[in-house]
N, C-alpha and C. Protein backbone atom coordinates (compact mmCIF):
# COMPACT_ATOMS: atom_id res chain seq x y z
N MET A 1 64.83 91.75 104.03
CA MET A 1 66.14 91.75 103.40
C MET A 1 66.73 93.17 103.73
N LYS A 2 68.02 93.18 103.88
CA LYS A 2 68.74 94.49 104.16
C LYS A 2 69.13 95.16 102.88
N TYR A 3 69.00 96.54 102.85
CA TYR A 3 69.42 97.31 101.74
C TYR A 3 70.17 98.47 102.24
N ILE A 4 71.28 98.77 101.58
CA ILE A 4 72.10 99.94 101.91
C ILE A 4 71.71 101.11 100.99
N CYS A 5 71.48 102.23 101.55
CA CYS A 5 71.11 103.36 100.75
C CYS A 5 72.38 104.32 100.92
N LEU A 6 73.20 104.44 99.83
CA LEU A 6 74.35 105.26 99.84
C LEU A 6 73.97 106.68 99.40
N ILE A 7 74.32 107.66 100.16
CA ILE A 7 73.96 109.06 99.88
C ILE A 7 75.09 109.80 99.20
N TYR A 8 74.84 110.27 98.01
CA TYR A 8 75.84 111.06 97.23
C TYR A 8 75.40 112.41 96.98
N GLU A 9 76.31 113.35 97.17
CA GLU A 9 76.00 114.73 96.83
C GLU A 9 77.28 115.46 96.65
N ASP A 10 77.23 116.66 96.06
CA ASP A 10 78.40 117.44 95.84
C ASP A 10 78.76 118.22 97.12
N GLU A 11 79.79 117.73 97.78
CA GLU A 11 80.11 118.36 99.10
C GLU A 11 80.72 119.69 99.01
N THR A 12 81.11 120.17 97.82
CA THR A 12 81.58 121.56 97.64
C THR A 12 80.47 122.53 97.77
N LEU A 13 79.17 122.14 97.63
CA LEU A 13 78.08 123.04 97.82
C LEU A 13 77.67 123.28 99.23
N ILE A 14 78.13 122.46 100.21
CA ILE A 14 77.75 122.55 101.54
C ILE A 14 78.11 123.94 102.17
N PRO A 15 79.33 124.41 101.94
CA PRO A 15 79.72 125.71 102.55
C PRO A 15 78.94 126.91 102.02
N SER A 16 78.34 126.74 100.82
CA SER A 16 77.51 127.84 100.26
C SER A 16 76.14 127.98 100.86
N ARG A 17 75.73 126.99 101.65
CA ARG A 17 74.40 127.02 102.30
C ARG A 17 74.38 127.89 103.48
N SER A 18 73.31 128.64 103.61
CA SER A 18 73.15 129.41 104.79
C SER A 18 72.89 128.60 106.03
N ASP A 19 73.07 129.20 107.24
CA ASP A 19 72.81 128.47 108.41
C ASP A 19 71.39 127.95 108.44
N GLU A 20 70.50 128.73 108.03
CA GLU A 20 69.03 128.39 108.00
C GLU A 20 68.79 127.19 107.02
N GLU A 21 69.42 127.27 105.89
CA GLU A 21 69.34 126.17 104.88
C GLU A 21 69.81 124.83 105.49
N GLN A 22 71.00 124.94 106.09
CA GLN A 22 71.64 123.74 106.68
C GLN A 22 70.78 123.19 107.89
N GLN A 23 70.26 124.05 108.66
CA GLN A 23 69.39 123.62 109.78
C GLN A 23 68.11 122.92 109.23
N ALA A 24 67.56 123.52 108.11
CA ALA A 24 66.40 122.85 107.54
C ALA A 24 66.71 121.47 107.09
N ILE A 25 67.85 121.34 106.38
CA ILE A 25 68.23 120.02 105.86
C ILE A 25 68.44 119.00 107.03
N MET A 26 69.13 119.49 108.06
CA MET A 26 69.32 118.58 109.17
C MET A 26 68.01 118.19 109.87
N SER A 27 67.08 119.17 109.94
CA SER A 27 65.73 118.86 110.50
C SER A 27 65.06 117.80 109.67
N ASP A 28 65.19 117.93 108.31
CA ASP A 28 64.65 116.90 107.44
C ASP A 28 65.28 115.57 107.63
N TYR A 29 66.63 115.50 107.86
CA TYR A 29 67.30 114.23 108.12
C TYR A 29 66.81 113.67 109.44
N PHE A 30 66.76 114.48 110.47
CA PHE A 30 66.29 113.93 111.74
C PHE A 30 64.86 113.36 111.67
N ALA A 31 64.01 114.08 110.88
CA ALA A 31 62.61 113.57 110.70
C ALA A 31 62.65 112.20 109.91
N PHE A 32 63.43 112.07 108.90
CA PHE A 32 63.52 110.83 108.15
C PHE A 32 64.06 109.77 109.07
N THR A 33 65.11 110.04 109.76
CA THR A 33 65.73 109.04 110.66
C THR A 33 64.69 108.58 111.70
N GLY A 34 63.95 109.47 112.24
CA GLY A 34 62.94 109.13 113.20
C GLY A 34 61.79 108.25 112.58
N GLU A 35 61.46 108.61 111.30
CA GLU A 35 60.40 107.83 110.65
C GLU A 35 60.83 106.40 110.40
N VAL A 36 62.10 106.18 109.98
CA VAL A 36 62.55 104.71 109.77
C VAL A 36 62.83 104.01 110.96
N GLN A 37 63.26 104.75 112.08
CA GLN A 37 63.45 104.11 113.30
C GLN A 37 62.11 103.69 113.94
N GLN A 38 61.16 104.59 113.86
CA GLN A 38 59.80 104.27 114.41
C GLN A 38 59.12 103.11 113.66
N ALA A 39 59.35 103.02 112.39
CA ALA A 39 58.79 101.91 111.57
C ALA A 39 59.57 100.59 111.74
N GLY A 40 60.71 100.63 112.49
CA GLY A 40 61.48 99.42 112.69
C GLY A 40 62.28 98.99 111.52
N LYS A 41 62.53 99.95 110.60
CA LYS A 41 63.25 99.71 109.32
C LYS A 41 64.76 99.98 109.40
N MET A 42 65.14 100.81 110.31
CA MET A 42 66.53 101.28 110.38
C MET A 42 67.38 100.24 111.11
N VAL A 43 68.44 99.83 110.50
CA VAL A 43 69.47 98.92 111.07
C VAL A 43 70.58 99.79 111.57
N ALA A 44 71.03 100.75 110.70
CA ALA A 44 72.20 101.56 111.04
C ALA A 44 72.17 102.81 110.11
N GLY A 45 72.93 103.83 110.39
CA GLY A 45 73.04 104.94 109.53
C GLY A 45 74.04 105.95 110.11
N ASP A 46 74.85 106.52 109.25
CA ASP A 46 75.82 107.47 109.69
C ASP A 46 76.17 108.43 108.61
N ALA A 47 76.54 109.65 109.02
CA ALA A 47 77.07 110.62 108.04
C ALA A 47 78.57 110.41 108.04
N LEU A 48 79.27 110.76 106.97
CA LEU A 48 80.72 110.61 106.81
C LEU A 48 81.37 111.96 106.86
N MET A 49 82.55 111.98 107.34
CA MET A 49 83.38 113.26 107.40
C MET A 49 83.68 113.52 105.85
N PRO A 50 84.10 114.78 105.47
CA PRO A 50 84.33 115.13 104.10
C PRO A 50 85.43 114.25 103.43
N THR A 51 85.42 114.14 102.18
CA THR A 51 86.36 113.34 101.52
C THR A 51 87.91 113.69 101.73
N GLU A 52 88.09 114.94 102.09
CA GLU A 52 89.45 115.37 102.41
C GLU A 52 90.05 114.64 103.56
N THR A 53 89.14 113.96 104.42
CA THR A 53 89.65 113.15 105.54
C THR A 53 89.91 111.65 105.18
N ALA A 54 89.61 111.34 103.97
CA ALA A 54 89.60 109.99 103.49
C ALA A 54 91.05 109.46 103.25
N THR A 55 91.25 108.18 103.46
CA THR A 55 92.58 107.56 103.10
C THR A 55 92.11 106.34 102.33
N THR A 56 92.77 106.17 101.03
CA THR A 56 92.48 105.08 100.26
C THR A 56 93.63 104.08 100.44
N VAL A 57 93.34 102.76 100.57
CA VAL A 57 94.31 101.74 100.84
C VAL A 57 94.29 100.77 99.67
N ARG A 58 95.44 100.45 99.14
CA ARG A 58 95.61 99.44 98.09
C ARG A 58 96.78 98.49 98.50
N VAL A 59 96.69 97.27 98.04
CA VAL A 59 97.89 96.31 98.17
C VAL A 59 98.26 96.00 96.77
N ARG A 60 99.51 96.31 96.42
CA ARG A 60 100.06 96.00 95.15
C ARG A 60 101.35 95.26 95.31
N ASP A 61 101.48 94.08 94.69
CA ASP A 61 102.70 93.28 94.81
C ASP A 61 103.07 93.05 96.25
N GLY A 62 102.02 92.79 97.11
CA GLY A 62 102.31 92.52 98.53
C GLY A 62 102.62 93.72 99.36
N GLN A 63 102.59 94.91 98.81
CA GLN A 63 102.96 96.12 99.51
C GLN A 63 101.68 96.96 99.69
N ARG A 64 101.51 97.48 100.88
CA ARG A 64 100.38 98.35 101.18
C ARG A 64 100.79 99.81 100.77
N VAL A 65 99.87 100.40 99.99
CA VAL A 65 100.01 101.78 99.52
C VAL A 65 98.80 102.56 99.97
N THR A 66 99.06 103.76 100.61
CA THR A 66 97.93 104.54 101.07
C THR A 66 98.06 105.92 100.34
N THR A 67 96.88 106.42 100.09
CA THR A 67 96.74 107.66 99.38
C THR A 67 95.74 108.57 100.14
N ASP A 68 96.12 109.80 100.39
CA ASP A 68 95.15 110.71 100.94
C ASP A 68 94.05 110.98 100.00
N GLY A 69 92.79 111.05 100.51
CA GLY A 69 91.69 111.36 99.71
C GLY A 69 90.90 110.21 99.24
N PRO A 70 89.84 110.48 98.43
CA PRO A 70 89.01 109.38 97.93
C PRO A 70 89.63 108.55 96.85
N PHE A 71 89.06 107.45 96.57
CA PHE A 71 89.57 106.57 95.49
C PHE A 71 89.53 107.26 94.16
N VAL A 72 88.51 107.94 93.76
CA VAL A 72 88.37 108.62 92.50
C VAL A 72 87.78 109.98 92.66
N GLU A 73 88.06 110.91 91.77
CA GLU A 73 87.39 112.15 91.70
C GLU A 73 86.07 112.04 91.01
N THR A 74 85.06 112.56 91.68
CA THR A 74 83.67 112.49 91.15
C THR A 74 83.01 113.83 91.38
N LYS A 75 81.89 114.04 90.74
CA LYS A 75 81.06 115.30 90.99
C LYS A 75 80.31 115.14 92.25
N GLU A 76 79.90 113.93 92.64
CA GLU A 76 79.19 113.67 93.87
C GLU A 76 80.04 112.73 94.70
N GLN A 77 80.06 113.00 96.03
CA GLN A 77 80.82 112.18 96.90
C GLN A 77 79.90 111.40 97.92
N LEU A 78 80.34 110.29 98.38
CA LEU A 78 79.60 109.56 99.34
C LEU A 78 79.68 110.33 100.62
N GLY A 79 78.46 110.67 101.15
CA GLY A 79 78.35 111.46 102.40
C GLY A 79 77.83 110.79 103.53
N GLY A 80 77.20 109.57 103.36
CA GLY A 80 76.63 108.81 104.39
C GLY A 80 75.85 107.70 103.87
N TYR A 81 75.16 107.05 104.79
CA TYR A 81 74.38 105.86 104.43
C TYR A 81 73.30 105.55 105.43
N TYR A 82 72.32 104.78 104.96
CA TYR A 82 71.31 104.20 105.86
C TYR A 82 71.33 102.71 105.50
N LEU A 83 71.31 101.80 106.51
CA LEU A 83 71.17 100.42 106.30
C LEU A 83 69.75 100.11 106.78
N LEU A 84 68.89 99.71 105.88
CA LEU A 84 67.48 99.53 106.21
C LEU A 84 67.05 98.02 106.00
N GLU A 85 66.13 97.60 106.84
CA GLU A 85 65.56 96.26 106.65
C GLU A 85 64.19 96.49 106.00
N CYS A 86 64.04 96.04 104.78
CA CYS A 86 62.87 96.22 103.99
C CYS A 86 62.32 94.88 103.50
N ASP A 87 61.06 94.92 103.17
CA ASP A 87 60.45 93.70 102.66
C ASP A 87 60.83 93.35 101.29
N ASN A 88 61.17 94.39 100.52
CA ASN A 88 61.52 94.18 99.10
C ASN A 88 62.21 95.44 98.54
N LEU A 89 62.70 95.37 97.29
CA LEU A 89 63.43 96.47 96.66
C LEU A 89 62.41 97.67 96.53
N ASP A 90 61.20 97.45 96.22
CA ASP A 90 60.20 98.55 96.09
C ASP A 90 60.14 99.35 97.36
N GLU A 91 60.06 98.69 98.54
CA GLU A 91 60.02 99.41 99.76
C GLU A 91 61.32 100.19 100.06
N ALA A 92 62.44 99.53 99.69
CA ALA A 92 63.71 100.28 99.86
C ALA A 92 63.79 101.53 98.96
N ILE A 93 63.33 101.41 97.80
CA ILE A 93 63.33 102.56 96.89
C ILE A 93 62.38 103.64 97.39
N GLU A 94 61.30 103.31 97.94
CA GLU A 94 60.28 104.24 98.47
C GLU A 94 60.92 105.01 99.62
N LEU A 95 61.58 104.28 100.50
CA LEU A 95 62.19 104.92 101.66
C LEU A 95 63.39 105.75 101.15
N ALA A 96 64.17 105.26 100.23
CA ALA A 96 65.34 106.05 99.71
C ALA A 96 64.87 107.39 99.11
N SER A 97 63.71 107.40 98.48
CA SER A 97 63.14 108.62 97.91
C SER A 97 62.84 109.69 98.93
N LYS A 98 62.77 109.29 100.18
CA LYS A 98 62.42 110.18 101.24
C LYS A 98 63.71 110.79 101.94
N ILE A 99 64.90 110.20 101.60
CA ILE A 99 66.15 110.69 102.17
C ILE A 99 66.38 112.21 101.61
N PRO A 100 66.52 113.17 102.44
CA PRO A 100 66.60 114.49 102.04
C PRO A 100 67.52 114.77 100.75
N SER A 101 68.73 114.20 100.75
CA SER A 101 69.69 114.51 99.68
C SER A 101 69.22 113.96 98.37
N ALA A 102 68.20 113.16 98.31
CA ALA A 102 67.68 112.69 97.06
C ALA A 102 67.19 113.93 96.19
N LYS A 103 66.83 115.06 96.90
CA LYS A 103 66.33 116.27 96.18
C LYS A 103 67.43 116.98 95.37
N TRP A 104 68.69 116.86 95.71
CA TRP A 104 69.72 117.56 95.09
C TRP A 104 70.92 116.64 94.69
N GLY A 105 70.99 115.47 95.29
CA GLY A 105 72.01 114.43 95.03
C GLY A 105 71.45 113.20 94.45
N SER A 106 72.04 112.10 94.81
CA SER A 106 71.48 110.79 94.45
C SER A 106 71.61 109.77 95.62
N ILE A 107 70.73 108.85 95.54
CA ILE A 107 70.79 107.69 96.54
C ILE A 107 70.94 106.44 95.79
N GLU A 108 71.97 105.71 96.04
CA GLU A 108 72.17 104.35 95.44
C GLU A 108 71.67 103.31 96.44
N VAL A 109 70.75 102.54 95.93
CA VAL A 109 70.14 101.49 96.77
C VAL A 109 70.68 100.09 96.32
N ARG A 110 71.27 99.41 97.24
CA ARG A 110 71.81 98.06 96.94
C ARG A 110 71.44 97.10 97.96
N PRO A 111 70.99 95.90 97.56
CA PRO A 111 70.79 94.81 98.56
C PRO A 111 72.03 94.32 99.18
N ILE A 112 71.96 93.89 100.38
CA ILE A 112 73.11 93.30 101.09
C ILE A 112 73.22 91.86 100.74
N MET A 113 74.33 91.33 100.38
CA MET A 113 74.52 89.97 100.03
C MET A 113 74.68 89.14 101.34
N VAL A 114 74.02 88.01 101.34
CA VAL A 114 74.07 87.13 102.46
C VAL A 114 74.68 85.86 102.07
N PHE A 115 75.73 85.47 102.86
CA PHE A 115 76.49 84.18 102.57
C PHE A 115 76.05 83.15 103.56
N ASN A 116 75.76 82.02 102.99
CA ASN A 116 75.49 80.79 103.87
C ASN A 116 76.83 80.23 104.33
N GLN A 117 76.97 79.99 105.60
CA GLN A 117 78.15 79.45 106.05
C GLN A 117 78.15 78.01 106.40
């Protein structure tokens, strides 16, 4: 079954990190990515640009309305994701706990819905 691991953290803290701290975090991410790739669990994964680059789209009364920025203001922002192929939720949670941002942010784990056509 596929699970998406949504990575949330406070993006305003990123500029306060030293180059060494940022390099260590990226090294941890590369190690985790390599681990899930090597195990054949990774389907996809990407980092997202900061929320200031986001555009929110809504359709109201048949009219498209766009707004700069994220849908809602939150303390933590969606910064990226991993799409993993796991045997069950327990395995997905175990892998999600290894995502580096779990140490200071949060990881939302959700199963992917499959529709029969």
